[in-house]
């Protein structure tokens, strides 16, 4: 288990930008992902990377070209830069991590594959 702390959510008008941050406890490289959940909907993966820098970054189709996931391994922190935000991006955003997923298999996965979760940060996009 790893302790995750998120920040950076808020309210923005459509077309605007927000950056989310998630800092993980410990210093071991880990597979980390951003998920989101809108009211009445299931939790869906948004973007994934491995903090070692091995492997690739992955995105759900609806955010490709708009969102960027990145890492600062020295700070054990990942970011989600969200640009050109749309009303349908409104949701609670969660950071997730799991040490058991190796870099070679750190891709878009079901939320059930991750065992450590942050508290969530709200993103509201008004049209």
C-alpha atoms as a PDB file:
ATOM      1  CA  UNK A   1       0.000   0.000   0.000  1.00  0.00           C
ATOM      2  CA  UNK A   2       1.091   3.516  -0.686  1.00  0.00           C
ATOM      3  CA  UNK A   3      -0.374   6.727   0.678  1.00  0.00           C
ATOM      4  CA  UNK A   4      -1.476   9.165  -2.019  1.00  0.00           C
ATOM      5  CA  UNK A   5      -2.298  12.852  -1.673  1.00  0.00           C
ATOM      6  CA  UNK A   6      -3.938  14.737  -4.518  1.00  0.00           C
ATOM      7  CA  UNK A   7      -4.371  18.423  -5.145  1.00  0.00           C
ATOM      8  CA  UNK A   8      -5.233  20.843  -7.906  1.00  0.00           C
ATOM      9  CA  UNK A   9      -8.910  20.388  -8.637  1.00  0.00           C
ATOM     10  CA  UNK A  10     -11.328  23.263  -8.972  1.00  0.00           C
ATOM     11  CA  UNK A  11     -13.850  24.995 -11.180  1.00  0.00           C
ATOM     12  CA  UNK A  12     -13.079  26.278 -14.644  1.00  0.00           C
ATOM     13  CA  UNK A  13     -14.950  27.338 -17.729  1.00  0.00           C
ATOM     14  CA  UNK A  14     -15.000  25.156 -20.815  1.00  0.00           C
ATOM     15  CA  UNK A  15     -11.801  25.546 -22.769  1.00  0.00           C
ATOM     16  CA  UNK A  16      -9.783  26.256 -19.654  1.00  0.00           C
ATOM     17  CA  UNK A  17      -7.003  24.291 -17.991  1.00  0.00           C
ATOM     18  CA  UNK A  18      -6.231  22.695 -14.643  1.00  0.00           C
ATOM     19  CA  UNK A  19      -3.292  20.716 -13.338  1.00  0.00           C
ATOM     20  CA  UNK A  20      -3.721  17.931 -10.832  1.00  0.00           C
ATOM     21  CA  UNK A  21      -0.913  16.630  -8.655  1.00  0.00           C
ATOM     22  CA  UNK A  22      -0.546  13.363  -6.770  1.00  0.00           C
ATOM     23  CA  UNK A  23       2.293  12.648  -4.378  1.00  0.00           C
ATOM     24  CA  UNK A  24       3.011   9.103  -3.258  1.00  0.00           C
ATOM     25  CA  UNK A  25       4.632   8.095  -0.002  1.00  0.00           C
ATOM     26  CA  UNK A  26       7.811   6.071  -0.215  1.00  0.00           C
ATOM     27  CA  UNK A  27      10.514   6.148  -2.813  1.00  0.00           C
ATOM     28  CA  UNK A  28       9.954   3.019  -4.846  1.00  0.00           C
ATOM     29  CA  UNK A  29       8.901   3.307  -8.463  1.00  0.00           C
ATOM     30  CA  UNK A  30       5.273   2.410  -9.003  1.00  0.00           C
ATOM     31  CA  UNK A  31       2.553   2.166 -11.626  1.00  0.00           C
ATOM     32  CA  UNK A  32       0.267   5.164 -11.189  1.00  0.00           C
ATOM     33  CA  UNK A  33      -2.929   6.167 -12.887  1.00  0.00           C
ATOM     34  CA  UNK A  34      -5.533   8.895 -12.869  1.00  0.00           C
ATOM     35  CA  UNK A  35      -9.165   7.828 -12.753  1.00  0.00           C
ATOM     36  CA  UNK A  36     -12.339   9.860 -12.696  1.00  0.00           C
ATOM     37  CA  UNK A  37     -15.895   9.264 -11.671  1.00  0.00           C
ATOM     38  CA  UNK A  38     -18.859  11.439 -12.544  1.00  0.00           C
ATOM     39  CA  UNK A  39     -22.115  11.216 -10.574  1.00  0.00           C
ATOM     40  CA  UNK A  40     -24.052   8.109 -11.511  1.00  0.00           C
ATOM     41  CA  UNK A  41     -21.231   6.718 -13.636  1.00  0.00           C
ATOM     42  CA  UNK A  42     -18.505   4.158 -13.154  1.00  0.00           C
ATOM     43  CA  UNK A  43     -14.885   4.911 -12.408  1.00  0.00           C
ATOM     44  CA  UNK A  44     -12.909   5.216 -15.625  1.00  0.00           C
ATOM     45  CA  UNK A  45      -9.214   5.359 -16.300  1.00  0.00           C
ATOM     46  CA  UNK A  46      -7.877   8.614 -17.697  1.00  0.00           C
ATOM     47  CA  UNK A  47      -4.095   8.263 -17.964  1.00  0.00           C
ATOM     48  CA  UNK A  48      -1.339   5.972 -16.730  1.00  0.00           C
ATOM     49  CA  UNK A  49       2.417   5.855 -16.400  1.00  0.00           C
ATOM     50  CA  UNK A  50       5.150   4.131 -14.430  1.00  0.00           C
ATOM     51  CA  UNK A  51       7.164   6.483 -12.245  1.00  0.00           C
ATOM     52  CA  UNK A  52      10.426   4.799 -13.259  1.00  0.00           C
ATOM     53  CA  UNK A  53       9.993   6.271 -16.725  1.00  0.00           C
ATOM     54  CA  UNK A  54       9.992   2.816 -18.260  1.00  0.00           C
ATOM     55  CA  UNK A  55       7.199   1.906 -20.608  1.00  0.00           C
ATOM     56  CA  UNK A  56       4.787   4.388 -22.112  1.00  0.00           C
ATOM     57  CA  UNK A  57       2.135   6.856 -21.121  1.00  0.00           C
ATOM     58  CA  UNK A  58      -1.424   5.840 -21.853  1.00  0.00           C
ATOM     59  CA  UNK A  59      -4.630   7.833 -22.237  1.00  0.00           C
ATOM     60  CA  UNK A  60      -8.287   7.139 -22.736  1.00  0.00           C
ATOM     61  CA  UNK A  61      -9.360   8.165 -26.212  1.00  0.00           C
ATOM     62  CA  UNK A  62     -11.546  11.073 -25.122  1.00  0.00           C
ATOM     63  CA  UNK A  63      -8.632  12.937 -23.503  1.00  0.00           C
ATOM     64  CA  UNK A  64      -5.883  12.251 -26.035  1.00  0.00           C
ATOM     65  CA  UNK A  65      -4.385  15.481 -27.290  1.00  0.00           C
ATOM     66  CA  UNK A  66      -5.871  17.449 -24.379  1.00  0.00           C
ATOM     67  CA  UNK A  67      -4.467  15.844 -21.219  1.00  0.00           C
ATOM     68  CA  UNK A  68      -0.848  15.143 -20.382  1.00  0.00           C
ATOM     69  CA  UNK A  69       0.339  12.851 -17.618  1.00  0.00           C
ATOM     70  CA  UNK A  70       3.863  13.439 -16.360  1.00  0.00           C
ATOM     71  CA  UNK A  71       6.089  12.592 -13.419  1.00  0.00           C
ATOM     72  CA  UNK A  72       8.702  14.052 -11.151  1.00  0.00           C
ATOM     73  CA  UNK A  73      10.394  10.977  -9.767  1.00  0.00           C
ATOM     74  CA  UNK A  74      12.529  12.997  -7.370  1.00  0.00           C
ATOM     75  CA  UNK A  75       9.328  14.166  -5.692  1.00  0.00           C
ATOM     76  CA  UNK A  76       7.479  10.872  -6.214  1.00  0.00           C
ATOM     77  CA  UNK A  77       4.758  12.956  -7.806  1.00  0.00           C
ATOM     78  CA  UNK A  78       2.679  12.633 -10.929  1.00  0.00           C
ATOM     79  CA  UNK A  79       0.710  15.355 -12.643  1.00  0.00           C
ATOM     80  CA  UNK A  80      -2.254  15.551 -14.950  1.00  0.00           C
ATOM     81  CA  UNK A  81      -2.257  18.662 -17.081  1.00  0.00           C
ATOM     82  CA  UNK A  82      -5.773  19.077 -18.420  1.00  0.00           C
ATOM     83  CA  UNK A  83      -6.257  21.480 -21.303  1.00  0.00           C
ATOM     84  CA  UNK A  84      -9.265  22.364 -23.437  1.00  0.00           C
ATOM     85  CA  UNK A  85     -11.520  21.128 -20.687  1.00  0.00           C
ATOM     86  CA  UNK A  86     -15.077  20.192 -21.582  1.00  0.00           C
ATOM     87  CA  UNK A  87     -18.193  19.885 -19.474  1.00  0.00           C
ATOM     88  CA  UNK A  88     -18.011  16.107 -19.815  1.00  0.00           C
ATOM     89  CA  UNK A  89     -14.634  16.159 -18.056  1.00  0.00           C
ATOM     90  CA  UNK A  90     -16.391  17.187 -14.849  1.00  0.00           C
ATOM     91  CA  UNK A  91     -15.877  14.473 -12.248  1.00  0.00           C
ATOM     92  CA  UNK A  92     -14.095  13.498  -9.092  1.00  0.00           C
ATOM     93  CA  UNK A  93     -10.540  12.671 -10.084  1.00  0.00           C
ATOM     94  CA  UNK A  94      -8.589  10.030  -8.223  1.00  0.00           C
ATOM     95  CA  UNK A  95      -4.964   9.067  -8.205  1.00  0.00           C
ATOM     96  CA  UNK A  96      -4.223   5.341  -7.916  1.00  0.00           C
ATOM     97  CA  UNK A  97      -1.074   3.283  -7.522  1.00  0.00           C
ATOM     98  CA  UNK A  98      -0.042  -0.330  -7.283  1.00  0.00           C
ATOM     99  CA  UNK A  99       3.442  -1.733  -6.708  1.00  0.00           C
ATOM    100  CA  UNK A 100       2.498  -5.170  -8.040  1.00  0.00           C
ATOM    101  CA  UNK A 101       2.074  -3.874 -11.607  1.00  0.00           C
ATOM    102  CA  UNK A 102       5.461  -3.876 -13.358  1.00  0.00           C
ATOM    103  CA  UNK A 103       6.448  -1.177 -15.808  1.00  0.00           C
ATOM    104  CA  UNK A 104       6.035  -3.648 -18.663  1.00  0.00           C
ATOM    105  CA  UNK A 105       2.355  -4.036 -17.777  1.00  0.00           C
ATOM    106  CA  UNK A 106       1.587  -0.510 -16.560  1.00  0.00           C
ATOM    107  CA  UNK A 107      -1.111   0.498 -19.021  1.00  0.00           C
ATOM    108  CA  UNK A 108      -4.773   1.479 -18.936  1.00  0.00           C
ATOM    109  CA  UNK A 109      -6.315  -0.931 -16.451  1.00  0.00           C
ATOM    110  CA  UNK A 110      -9.491  -1.466 -14.512  1.00  0.00           C
ATOM    111  CA  UNK A 111      -9.736   0.405 -11.241  1.00  0.00           C
ATOM    112  CA  UNK A 112      -9.916  -2.998  -9.549  1.00  0.00           C
ATOM    113  CA  UNK A 113      -6.239  -3.564 -10.395  1.00  0.00           C
ATOM    114  CA  UNK A 114      -5.138  -0.691  -8.143  1.00  0.00           C
ATOM    115  CA  UNK A 115      -5.017  -1.084  -4.390  1.00  0.00           C
ATOM    116  CA  UNK A 116      -3.922   2.357  -3.242  1.00  0.00           C
ATOM    117  CA  UNK A 117      -6.117   5.417  -3.781  1.00  0.00           C
ATOM    118  CA  UNK A 118      -6.056   9.091  -3.033  1.00  0.00           C
ATOM    119  CA  UNK A 119      -8.959  10.953  -1.479  1.00  0.00           C
ATOM    120  CA  UNK A 120     -10.037  12.475  -4.782  1.00  0.00           C
ATOM    121  CA  UNK A 121     -10.157  16.023  -6.073  1.00  0.00           C
ATOM    122  CA  UNK A 122     -13.195  17.620  -7.706  1.00  0.00           C
ATOM    123  CA  UNK A 123     -13.063  19.066 -11.208  1.00  0.00           C
ATOM    124  CA  UNK A 124     -16.028  21.124 -12.396  1.00  0.00           C
ATOM    125  CA  UNK A 125     -16.146  22.462 -15.934  1.00  0.00           C
ATOM    126  CA  UNK A 126     -18.914  24.886 -16.745  1.00  0.00           C
ATOM    127  CA  UNK A 127     -20.068  25.421 -20.302  1.00  0.00           C
END
